[in-house]
């Protein structure tokens, strides 16, 4: 998965919204993430 967001933003921080919780679930299902804006 390619994302402009920083990996740590959703992975190690507590989710504050339902959308952030869903993003945490997505991350946990991935094998490799390429993070950071171009």
ModelCIF file with pLDDT and N, C-alpha, C, O atoms, coordinates in Angstrom:
data_MODEL
#
_entry.id   MODEL 
#
_entity.id                         1 
_entity.type                       polymer 
_entity.pdbx_number_of_molecules   1 
#
_entity_poly.entity_id                      1 
_entity_poly.type                           'polypeptide(L)' 
_entity_poly.nstd_linkage                   no 
_entity_poly.nstd_monomer                   no 
_entity_poly.pdbx_seq_one_letter_code       
;(UNK)(UNK)(UNK)(UNK)(UNK)(UNK)(UNK)(UNK)(UNK)(UNK)(UNK)(UNK)(UNK)(UNK)(UNK)(UNK)
(UNK)(UNK)(UNK)(UNK)(UNK)(UNK)(UNK)(UNK)(UNK)(UNK)(UNK)(UNK)(UNK)(UNK)(UNK)(UNK)
(UNK)(UNK)(UNK)(UNK)(UNK)(UNK)
;
_entity_poly.pdbx_seq_one_letter_code_can   XXXXXXXXXXXXXXXXXXXXXXXXXXXXXXXXXXXXXX 
_entity_poly.pdbx_strand_id                 A 
#
loop_
_entity_poly_seq.entity_id 
_entity_poly_seq.num 
_entity_poly_seq.mon_id 
_entity_poly_seq.hetero 
1 1  UNK n 
1 2  UNK n 
1 3  UNK n 
1 4  UNK n 
1 5  UNK n 
1 6  UNK n 
1 7  UNK n 
1 8  UNK n 
1 9  UNK n 
1 10 UNK n 
1 11 UNK n 
1 12 UNK n 
1 13 UNK n 
1 14 UNK n 
1 15 UNK n 
1 16 UNK n 
1 17 UNK n 
1 18 UNK n 
1 19 UNK n 
1 20 UNK n 
1 21 UNK n 
1 22 UNK n 
1 23 UNK n 
1 24 UNK n 
1 25 UNK n 
1 26 UNK n 
1 27 UNK n 
1 28 UNK n 
1 29 UNK n 
1 30 UNK n 
1 31 UNK n 
1 32 UNK n 
1 33 UNK n 
1 34 UNK n 
1 35 UNK n 
1 36 UNK n 
1 37 UNK n 
1 38 UNK n 
#
_struct_asym.id          A 
_struct_asym.entity_id   1 
#
loop_
_ma_qa_metric.id 
_ma_qa_metric.mode 
_ma_qa_metric.name 
_ma_qa_metric.software_group_id 
_ma_qa_metric.type 
1 global pLDDT . pLDDT 
2 local  pLDDT . pLDDT 
#
_ma_qa_metric_global.metric_id      1 
_ma_qa_metric_global.metric_value   92.00 
_ma_qa_metric_global.model_id       1 
_ma_qa_metric_global.ordinal_id     1 
#
loop_
_ma_qa_metric_local.label_asym_id 
_ma_qa_metric_local.label_comp_id 
_ma_qa_metric_local.label_seq_id 
_ma_qa_metric_local.metric_id 
_ma_qa_metric_local.metric_value 
_ma_qa_metric_local.model_id 
_ma_qa_metric_local.ordinal_id 
A UNK 1  2 98.00 1 1  
A UNK 2  2 96.00 1 2  
A UNK 3  2 96.00 1 3  
A UNK 4  2 92.00 1 4  
A UNK 5  2 92.00 1 5  
A UNK 6  2 91.00 1 6  
A UNK 7  2 93.00 1 7  
A UNK 8  2 90.00 1 8  
A UNK 9  2 85.00 1 9  
A UNK 10 2 86.00 1 10 
A UNK 11 2 85.00 1 11 
A UNK 12 2 82.00 1 12 
A UNK 13 2 81.00 1 13 
A UNK 14 2 83.00 1 14 
A UNK 15 2 82.00 1 15 
A UNK 16 2 87.00 1 16 
A UNK 17 2 91.00 1 17 
A UNK 18 2 93.00 1 18 
A UNK 19 2 91.00 1 19 
A UNK 20 2 91.00 1 20 
A UNK 21 2 93.00 1 21 
A UNK 22 2 95.00 1 22 
A UNK 23 2 94.00 1 23 
A UNK 24 2 94.00 1 24 
A UNK 25 2 95.00 1 25 
A UNK 26 2 97.00 1 26 
A UNK 27 2 96.00 1 27 
A UNK 28 2 96.00 1 28 
A UNK 29 2 97.00 1 29 
A UNK 30 2 98.00 1 30 
A UNK 31 2 98.00 1 31 
A UNK 32 2 98.00 1 32 
A UNK 33 2 97.00 1 33 
A UNK 34 2 97.00 1 34 
A UNK 35 2 96.00 1 35 
A UNK 36 2 92.00 1 36 
A UNK 37 2 90.00 1 37 
A UNK 38 2 88.00 1 38 
#
loop_
_atom_site.group_PDB 
_atom_site.id 
_atom_site.type_symbol 
_atom_site.label_atom_id 
_atom_site.label_alt_id 
_atom_site.label_comp_id 
_atom_site.label_asym_id 
_atom_site.label_entity_id 
_atom_site.label_seq_id 
_atom_site.pdbx_PDB_ins_code 
_atom_site.Cartn_x 
_atom_site.Cartn_y 
_atom_site.Cartn_z 
_atom_site.occupancy 
_atom_site.B_iso_or_equiv 
_atom_site.pdbx_formal_charge 
_atom_site.auth_seq_id 
_atom_site.auth_comp_id 
_atom_site.auth_asym_id 
_atom_site.auth_atom_id 
_atom_site.pdbx_PDB_model_num 
ATOM 1   N N  . UNK A 1 1  ? 0.848   -1.187 0.000  1.00 98.00 ? 1  UNK A N  1 
ATOM 2   C CA . UNK A 1 1  ? 0.000   0.000  0.000  1.00 98.00 ? 1  UNK A CA 1 
ATOM 3   C C  . UNK A 1 1  ? 0.886   1.241  0.000  1.00 98.00 ? 1  UNK A C  1 
ATOM 4   O O  . UNK A 1 1  ? 1.830   1.348  0.783  1.00 98.00 ? 1  UNK A O  1 
ATOM 5   N N  . UNK A 1 2  ? 0.563   2.180  -0.897 1.00 96.00 ? 2  UNK A N  1 
ATOM 6   C CA . UNK A 1 2  ? 1.262   3.467  -0.973 1.00 96.00 ? 2  UNK A CA 1 
ATOM 7   C C  . UNK A 1 2  ? 0.377   4.528  -0.344 1.00 96.00 ? 2  UNK A C  1 
ATOM 8   O O  . UNK A 1 2  ? -0.812  4.613  -0.652 1.00 96.00 ? 2  UNK A O  1 
ATOM 9   N N  . UNK A 1 3  ? 0.958   5.346  0.546  1.00 96.00 ? 3  UNK A N  1 
ATOM 10  C CA . UNK A 1 3  ? 0.211   6.417  1.192  1.00 96.00 ? 3  UNK A CA 1 
ATOM 11  C C  . UNK A 1 3  ? 1.101   7.624  1.440  1.00 96.00 ? 3  UNK A C  1 
ATOM 12  O O  . UNK A 1 3  ? 2.299   7.483  1.687  1.00 96.00 ? 3  UNK A O  1 
ATOM 13  N N  . UNK A 1 4  ? 0.517   8.794  1.375  1.00 92.00 ? 4  UNK A N  1 
ATOM 14  C CA . UNK A 1 4  ? 1.238   10.012 1.719  1.00 92.00 ? 4  UNK A CA 1 
ATOM 15  C C  . UNK A 1 4  ? 1.289   10.254 3.214  1.00 92.00 ? 4  UNK A C  1 
ATOM 16  O O  . UNK A 1 4  ? 2.053   11.097 3.685  1.00 92.00 ? 4  UNK A O  1 
ATOM 17  N N  . UNK A 1 5  ? 0.483   9.523  3.960  1.00 92.00 ? 5  UNK A N  1 
ATOM 18  C CA . UNK A 1 5  ? 0.486   9.655  5.418  1.00 92.00 ? 5  UNK A CA 1 
ATOM 19  C C  . UNK A 1 5  ? 1.708   8.961  6.009  1.00 92.00 ? 5  UNK A C  1 
ATOM 20  O O  . UNK A 1 5  ? 2.271   8.050  5.402  1.00 92.00 ? 5  UNK A O  1 
ATOM 21  N N  . UNK A 1 6  ? 2.107   9.393  7.181  1.00 91.00 ? 6  UNK A N  1 
ATOM 22  C CA . UNK A 1 6  ? 3.200   8.737  7.900  1.00 91.00 ? 6  UNK A CA 1 
ATOM 23  C C  . UNK A 1 6  ? 2.666   7.488  8.591  1.00 91.00 ? 6  UNK A C  1 
ATOM 24  O O  . UNK A 1 6  ? 1.604   7.518  9.212  1.00 91.00 ? 6  UNK A O  1 
ATOM 25  N N  . UNK A 1 7  ? 3.392   6.416  8.479  1.00 93.00 ? 7  UNK A N  1 
ATOM 26  C CA . UNK A 1 7  ? 3.014   5.117  9.038  1.00 93.00 ? 7  UNK A CA 1 
ATOM 27  C C  . UNK A 1 7  ? 2.653   5.210  10.521 1.00 93.00 ? 7  UNK A C  1 
ATOM 28  O O  . UNK A 1 7  ? 1.667   4.620  10.963 1.00 93.00 ? 7  UNK A O  1 
ATOM 29  N N  . UNK A 1 8  ? 3.436   5.935  11.267 1.00 90.00 ? 8  UNK A N  1 
ATOM 30  C CA . UNK A 1 8  ? 3.252   6.006  12.723 1.00 90.00 ? 8  UNK A CA 1 
ATOM 31  C C  . UNK A 1 8  ? 1.955   6.710  13.114 1.00 90.00 ? 8  UNK A C  1 
ATOM 32  O O  . UNK A 1 8  ? 1.403   6.447  14.183 1.00 90.00 ? 8  UNK A O  1 
ATOM 33  N N  . UNK A 1 9  ? 1.474   7.587  12.268 1.00 85.00 ? 9  UNK A N  1 
ATOM 34  C CA . UNK A 1 9  ? 0.266   8.366  12.597 1.00 85.00 ? 9  UNK A CA 1 
ATOM 35  C C  . UNK A 1 9  ? -0.903  7.470  12.978 1.00 85.00 ? 9  UNK A C  1 
ATOM 36  O O  . UNK A 1 9  ? -1.633  7.769  13.922 1.00 85.00 ? 9  UNK A O  1 
ATOM 37  N N  . UNK A 1 10 ? -1.085  6.377  12.252 1.00 86.00 ? 10 UNK A N  1 
ATOM 38  C CA . UNK A 1 10 ? -2.223  5.500  12.503 1.00 86.00 ? 10 UNK A CA 1 
ATOM 39  C C  . UNK A 1 10 ? -1.842  4.175  13.162 1.00 86.00 ? 10 UNK A C  1 
ATOM 40  O O  . UNK A 1 10 ? -2.707  3.483  13.699 1.00 86.00 ? 10 UNK A O  1 
ATOM 41  N N  . UNK A 1 11 ? -0.587  3.825  13.128 1.00 85.00 ? 11 UNK A N  1 
ATOM 42  C CA . UNK A 1 11 ? -0.180  2.504  13.604 1.00 85.00 ? 11 UNK A CA 1 
ATOM 43  C C  . UNK A 1 11 ? 0.037   2.459  15.107 1.00 85.00 ? 11 UNK A C  1 
ATOM 44  O O  . UNK A 1 11 ? -0.436  1.539  15.774 1.00 85.00 ? 11 UNK A O  1 
ATOM 45  N N  . UNK A 1 12 ? 0.741   3.436  15.644 1.00 82.00 ? 12 UNK A N  1 
ATOM 46  C CA . UNK A 1 12 ? 1.120   3.382  17.052 1.00 82.00 ? 12 UNK A CA 1 
ATOM 47  C C  . UNK A 1 12 ? 0.339   4.361  17.923 1.00 82.00 ? 12 UNK A C  1 
ATOM 48  O O  . UNK A 1 12 ? 0.444   4.317  19.149 1.00 82.00 ? 12 UNK A O  1 
ATOM 49  N N  . UNK A 1 13 ? -0.430  5.229  17.310 1.00 81.00 ? 13 UNK A N  1 
ATOM 50  C CA . UNK A 1 13 ? -1.232  6.189  18.070 1.00 81.00 ? 13 UNK A CA 1 
ATOM 51  C C  . UNK A 1 13 ? -2.652  5.660  18.239 1.00 81.00 ? 13 UNK A C  1 
ATOM 52  O O  . UNK A 1 13 ? -3.131  4.860  17.435 1.00 81.00 ? 13 UNK A O  1 
ATOM 53  N N  . UNK A 1 14 ? -3.296  6.107  19.266 1.00 83.00 ? 14 UNK A N  1 
ATOM 54  C CA . UNK A 1 14 ? -4.674  5.703  19.540 1.00 83.00 ? 14 UNK A CA 1 
ATOM 55  C C  . UNK A 1 14 ? -5.598  6.325  18.491 1.00 83.00 ? 14 UNK A C  1 
ATOM 56  O O  . UNK A 1 14 ? -5.480  7.508  18.173 1.00 83.00 ? 14 UNK A O  1 
ATOM 57  N N  . UNK A 1 15 ? -6.516  5.519  17.958 1.00 82.00 ? 15 UNK A N  1 
ATOM 58  C CA . UNK A 1 15 ? -7.491  6.025  17.000 1.00 82.00 ? 15 UNK A CA 1 
ATOM 59  C C  . UNK A 1 15 ? -8.504  6.901  17.725 1.00 82.00 ? 15 UNK A C  1 
ATOM 60  O O  . UNK A 1 15 ? -9.035  6.517  18.767 1.00 82.00 ? 15 UNK A O  1 
ATOM 61  N N  . UNK A 1 16 ? -8.766  8.070  17.171 1.00 87.00 ? 16 UNK A N  1 
ATOM 62  C CA . UNK A 1 16 ? -9.701  9.005  17.803 1.00 87.00 ? 16 UNK A CA 1 
ATOM 63  C C  . UNK A 1 16 ? -11.045 9.065  17.094 1.00 87.00 ? 16 UNK A C  1 
ATOM 64  O O  . UNK A 1 16 ? -12.013 9.581  17.652 1.00 87.00 ? 16 UNK A O  1 
ATOM 65  N N  . UNK A 1 17 ? -11.121 8.542  15.866 1.00 91.00 ? 17 UNK A N  1 
ATOM 66  C CA . UNK A 1 17 ? -12.376 8.546  15.114 1.00 91.00 ? 17 UNK A CA 1 
ATOM 67  C C  . UNK A 1 17 ? -12.608 7.150  14.538 1.00 91.00 ? 17 UNK A C  1 
ATOM 68  O O  . UNK A 1 17 ? -11.708 6.310  14.534 1.00 91.00 ? 17 UNK A O  1 
ATOM 69  N N  . UNK A 1 18 ? -13.829 6.917  14.053 1.00 93.00 ? 18 UNK A N  1 
ATOM 70  C CA . UNK A 1 18 ? -14.135 5.630  13.404 1.00 93.00 ? 18 UNK A CA 1 
ATOM 71  C C  . UNK A 1 18 ? -13.294 5.455  12.143 1.00 93.00 ? 18 UNK A C  1 
ATOM 72  O O  . UNK A 1 18 ? -12.853 4.348  11.831 1.00 93.00 ? 18 UNK A O  1 
ATOM 73  N N  . UNK A 1 19 ? -13.073 6.557  11.419 1.00 91.00 ? 19 UNK A N  1 
ATOM 74  C CA . UNK A 1 19 ? -12.246 6.470  10.211 1.00 91.00 ? 19 UNK A CA 1 
ATOM 75  C C  . UNK A 1 19 ? -10.811 6.090  10.561 1.00 91.00 ? 19 UNK A C  1 
ATOM 76  O O  . UNK A 1 19 ? -10.211 5.263  9.874  1.00 91.00 ? 19 UNK A O  1 
ATOM 77  N N  . UNK A 1 20 ? -10.257 6.672  11.606 1.00 91.00 ? 20 UNK A N  1 
ATOM 78  C CA . UNK A 1 20 ? -8.897  6.310  12.021 1.00 91.00 ? 20 UNK A CA 1 
ATOM 79  C C  . UNK A 1 20 ? -8.834  4.854  12.470 1.00 91.00 ? 20 UNK A C  1 
ATOM 80  O O  . UNK A 1 20 ? -7.838  4.175  12.218 1.00 91.00 ? 20 UNK A O  1 
ATOM 81  N N  . UNK A 1 21 ? -9.868  4.374  13.121 1.00 93.00 ? 21 UNK A N  1 
ATOM 82  C CA . UNK A 1 21 ? -9.900  2.962  13.535 1.00 93.00 ? 21 UNK A CA 1 
ATOM 83  C C  . UNK A 1 21 ? -9.925  2.050  12.312 1.00 93.00 ? 21 UNK A C  1 
ATOM 84  O O  . UNK A 1 21 ? -9.269  1.009  12.294 1.00 93.00 ? 21 UNK A O  1 
ATOM 85  N N  . UNK A 1 22 ? -10.681 2.442  11.294 1.00 95.00 ? 22 UNK A N  1 
ATOM 86  C CA . UNK A 1 22 ? -10.723 1.662  10.058 1.00 95.00 ? 22 UNK A CA 1 
ATOM 87  C C  . UNK A 1 22 ? -9.349  1.675  9.378  1.00 95.00 ? 22 UNK A C  1 
ATOM 88  O O  . UNK A 1 22 ? -8.907  0.649  8.862  1.00 95.00 ? 22 UNK A O  1 
ATOM 89  N N  . UNK A 1 23 ? -8.685  2.806  9.374  1.00 94.00 ? 23 UNK A N  1 
ATOM 90  C CA . UNK A 1 23 ? -7.347  2.899  8.786  1.00 94.00 ? 23 UNK A CA 1 
ATOM 91  C C  . UNK A 1 23 ? -6.369  2.009  9.558  1.00 94.00 ? 23 UNK A C  1 
ATOM 92  O O  . UNK A 1 23 ? -5.513  1.368  8.949  1.00 94.00 ? 23 UNK A O  1 
ATOM 93  N N  . UNK A 1 24 ? -6.480  1.961  10.867 1.00 94.00 ? 24 UNK A N  1 
ATOM 94  C CA . UNK A 1 24 ? -5.628  1.057  11.662 1.00 94.00 ? 24 UNK A CA 1 
ATOM 95  C C  . UNK A 1 24 ? -5.844  -0.397 11.249 1.00 94.00 ? 24 UNK A C  1 
ATOM 96  O O  . UNK A 1 24 ? -4.891  -1.170 11.154 1.00 94.00 ? 24 UNK A O  1 
ATOM 97  N N  . UNK A 1 25 ? -7.091  -0.760 11.007 1.00 95.00 ? 25 UNK A N  1 
ATOM 98  C CA . UNK A 1 25 ? -7.402  -2.134 10.560 1.00 95.00 ? 25 UNK A CA 1 
ATOM 99  C C  . UNK A 1 25 ? -6.768  -2.404 9.197  1.00 95.00 ? 25 UNK A C  1 
ATOM 100 O O  . UNK A 1 25 ? -6.215  -3.479 8.964  1.00 95.00 ? 25 UNK A O  1 
ATOM 101 N N  . UNK A 1 26 ? -6.853  -1.427 8.305  1.00 97.00 ? 26 UNK A N  1 
ATOM 102 C CA . UNK A 1 26 ? -6.250  -1.571 6.974  1.00 97.00 ? 26 UNK A CA 1 
ATOM 103 C C  . UNK A 1 26 ? -4.752  -1.817 7.107  1.00 97.00 ? 26 UNK A C  1 
ATOM 104 O O  . UNK A 1 26 ? -4.209  -2.743 6.505  1.00 97.00 ? 26 UNK A O  1 
ATOM 105 N N  . UNK A 1 27 ? -4.099  -0.992 7.889  1.00 96.00 ? 27 UNK A N  1 
ATOM 106 C CA . UNK A 1 27 ? -2.649  -1.112 8.062  1.00 96.00 ? 27 UNK A CA 1 
ATOM 107 C C  . UNK A 1 27 ? -2.273  -2.498 8.568  1.00 96.00 ? 27 UNK A C  1 
ATOM 108 O O  . UNK A 1 27 ? -1.305  -3.091 8.093  1.00 96.00 ? 27 UNK A O  1 
ATOM 109 N N  . UNK A 1 28 ? -3.022  -3.011 9.517  1.00 96.00 ? 28 UNK A N  1 
ATOM 110 C CA . UNK A 1 28 ? -2.722  -4.315 10.103 1.00 96.00 ? 28 UNK A CA 1 
ATOM 111 C C  . UNK A 1 28 ? -2.907  -5.468 9.108  1.00 96.00 ? 28 UNK A C  1 
ATOM 112 O O  . UNK A 1 28 ? -2.366  -6.555 9.310  1.00 96.00 ? 28 UNK A O  1 
ATOM 113 N N  . UNK A 1 29 ? -3.665  -5.230 8.046  1.00 97.00 ? 29 UNK A N  1 
ATOM 114 C CA . UNK A 1 29 ? -3.866  -6.247 7.019  1.00 97.00 ? 29 UNK A CA 1 
ATOM 115 C C  . UNK A 1 29 ? -2.797  -6.209 5.923  1.00 97.00 ? 29 UNK A C  1 
ATOM 116 O O  . UNK A 1 29 ? -2.701  -7.130 5.112  1.00 97.00 ? 29 UNK A O  1 
ATOM 117 N N  . UNK A 1 30 ? -2.006  -5.151 5.906  1.00 98.00 ? 30 UNK A N  1 
ATOM 118 C CA . UNK A 1 30 ? -0.971  -4.982 4.869  1.00 98.00 ? 30 UNK A CA 1 
ATOM 119 C C  . UNK A 1 30 ? 0.318   -5.693 5.256  1.00 98.00 ? 30 UNK A C  1 
ATOM 120 O O  . UNK A 1 30 ? 0.592   -5.933 6.432  1.00 98.00 ? 30 UNK A O  1 
ATOM 121 N N  . UNK A 1 31 ? 1.097   -6.020 4.241  1.00 98.00 ? 31 UNK A N  1 
ATOM 122 C CA . UNK A 1 31 ? 2.422   -6.598 4.450  1.00 98.00 ? 31 UNK A CA 1 
ATOM 123 C C  . UNK A 1 31 ? 3.499   -5.526 4.356  1.00 98.00 ? 31 UNK A C  1 
ATOM 124 O O  . UNK A 1 31 ? 4.435   -5.498 5.156  1.00 98.00 ? 31 UNK A O  1 
ATOM 125 N N  . UNK A 1 32 ? 3.356   -4.643 3.368  1.00 98.00 ? 32 UNK A N  1 
ATOM 126 C CA . UNK A 1 32 ? 4.352   -3.596 3.139  1.00 98.00 ? 32 UNK A CA 1 
ATOM 127 C C  . UNK A 1 32 ? 3.617   -2.282 2.865  1.00 98.00 ? 32 UNK A C  1 
ATOM 128 O O  . UNK A 1 32 ? 2.639   -2.249 2.119  1.00 98.00 ? 32 UNK A O  1 
ATOM 129 N N  . UNK A 1 33 ? 4.101   -1.206 3.478  1.00 97.00 ? 33 UNK A N  1 
ATOM 130 C CA . UNK A 1 33 ? 3.567   0.128  3.214  1.00 97.00 ? 33 UNK A CA 1 
ATOM 131 C C  . UNK A 1 33 ? 4.722   1.035  2.799  1.00 97.00 ? 33 UNK A C  1 
ATOM 132 O O  . UNK A 1 33 ? 5.772   1.074  3.440  1.00 97.00 ? 33 UNK A O  1 
ATOM 133 N N  . UNK A 1 34 ? 4.496   1.764  1.705  1.00 97.00 ? 34 UNK A N  1 
ATOM 134 C CA . UNK A 1 34 ? 5.417   2.821  1.304  1.00 97.00 ? 34 UNK A CA 1 
ATOM 135 C C  . UNK A 1 34 ? 4.757   4.115  1.757  1.00 97.00 ? 34 UNK A C  1 
ATOM 136 O O  . UNK A 1 34 ? 3.693   4.481  1.259  1.00 97.00 ? 34 UNK A O  1 
ATOM 137 N N  . UNK A 1 35 ? 5.388   4.810  2.702  1.00 96.00 ? 35 UNK A N  1 
ATOM 138 C CA . UNK A 1 35 ? 4.747   5.995  3.279  1.00 96.00 ? 35 UNK A CA 1 
ATOM 139 C C  . UNK A 1 35 ? 5.469   7.276  2.922  1.00 96.00 ? 35 UNK A C  1 
ATOM 140 O O  . UNK A 1 35 ? 6.614   7.263  2.468  1.00 96.00 ? 35 UNK A O  1 
ATOM 141 N N  . UNK A 1 36 ? 4.772   8.387  3.138  1.00 92.00 ? 36 UNK A N  1 
ATOM 142 C CA . UNK A 1 36 ? 5.337   9.712  2.910  1.00 92.00 ? 36 UNK A CA 1 
ATOM 143 C C  . UNK A 1 36 ? 4.888   10.312 1.591  1.00 92.00 ? 36 UNK A C  1 
ATOM 144 O O  . UNK A 1 36 ? 4.745   9.619  0.584  1.00 92.00 ? 36 UNK A O  1 
ATOM 145 N N  . UNK A 1 37 ? 4.670   11.616 1.624  1.00 90.00 ? 37 UNK A N  1 
ATOM 146 C CA . UNK A 1 37 ? 4.296   12.338 0.415  1.00 90.00 ? 37 UNK A CA 1 
ATOM 147 C C  . UNK A 1 37 ? 5.458   12.352 -0.572 1.00 90.00 ? 37 UNK A C  1 
ATOM 148 O O  . UNK A 1 37 ? 6.623   12.312 -0.176 1.00 90.00 ? 37 UNK A O  1 
ATOM 149 N N  . UNK A 1 38 ? 5.134   12.407 -1.845 1.00 88.00 ? 38 UNK A N  1 
ATOM 150 C CA . UNK A 1 38 ? 6.163   12.606 -2.854 1.00 88.00 ? 38 UNK A CA 1 
ATOM 151 C C  . UNK A 1 38 ? 6.650   14.049 -2.752 1.00 88.00 ? 38 UNK A C  1 
ATOM 152 O O  . UNK A 1 38 ? 7.529   14.459 -3.510 1.00 88.00 ? 38 UNK A O  1 
#
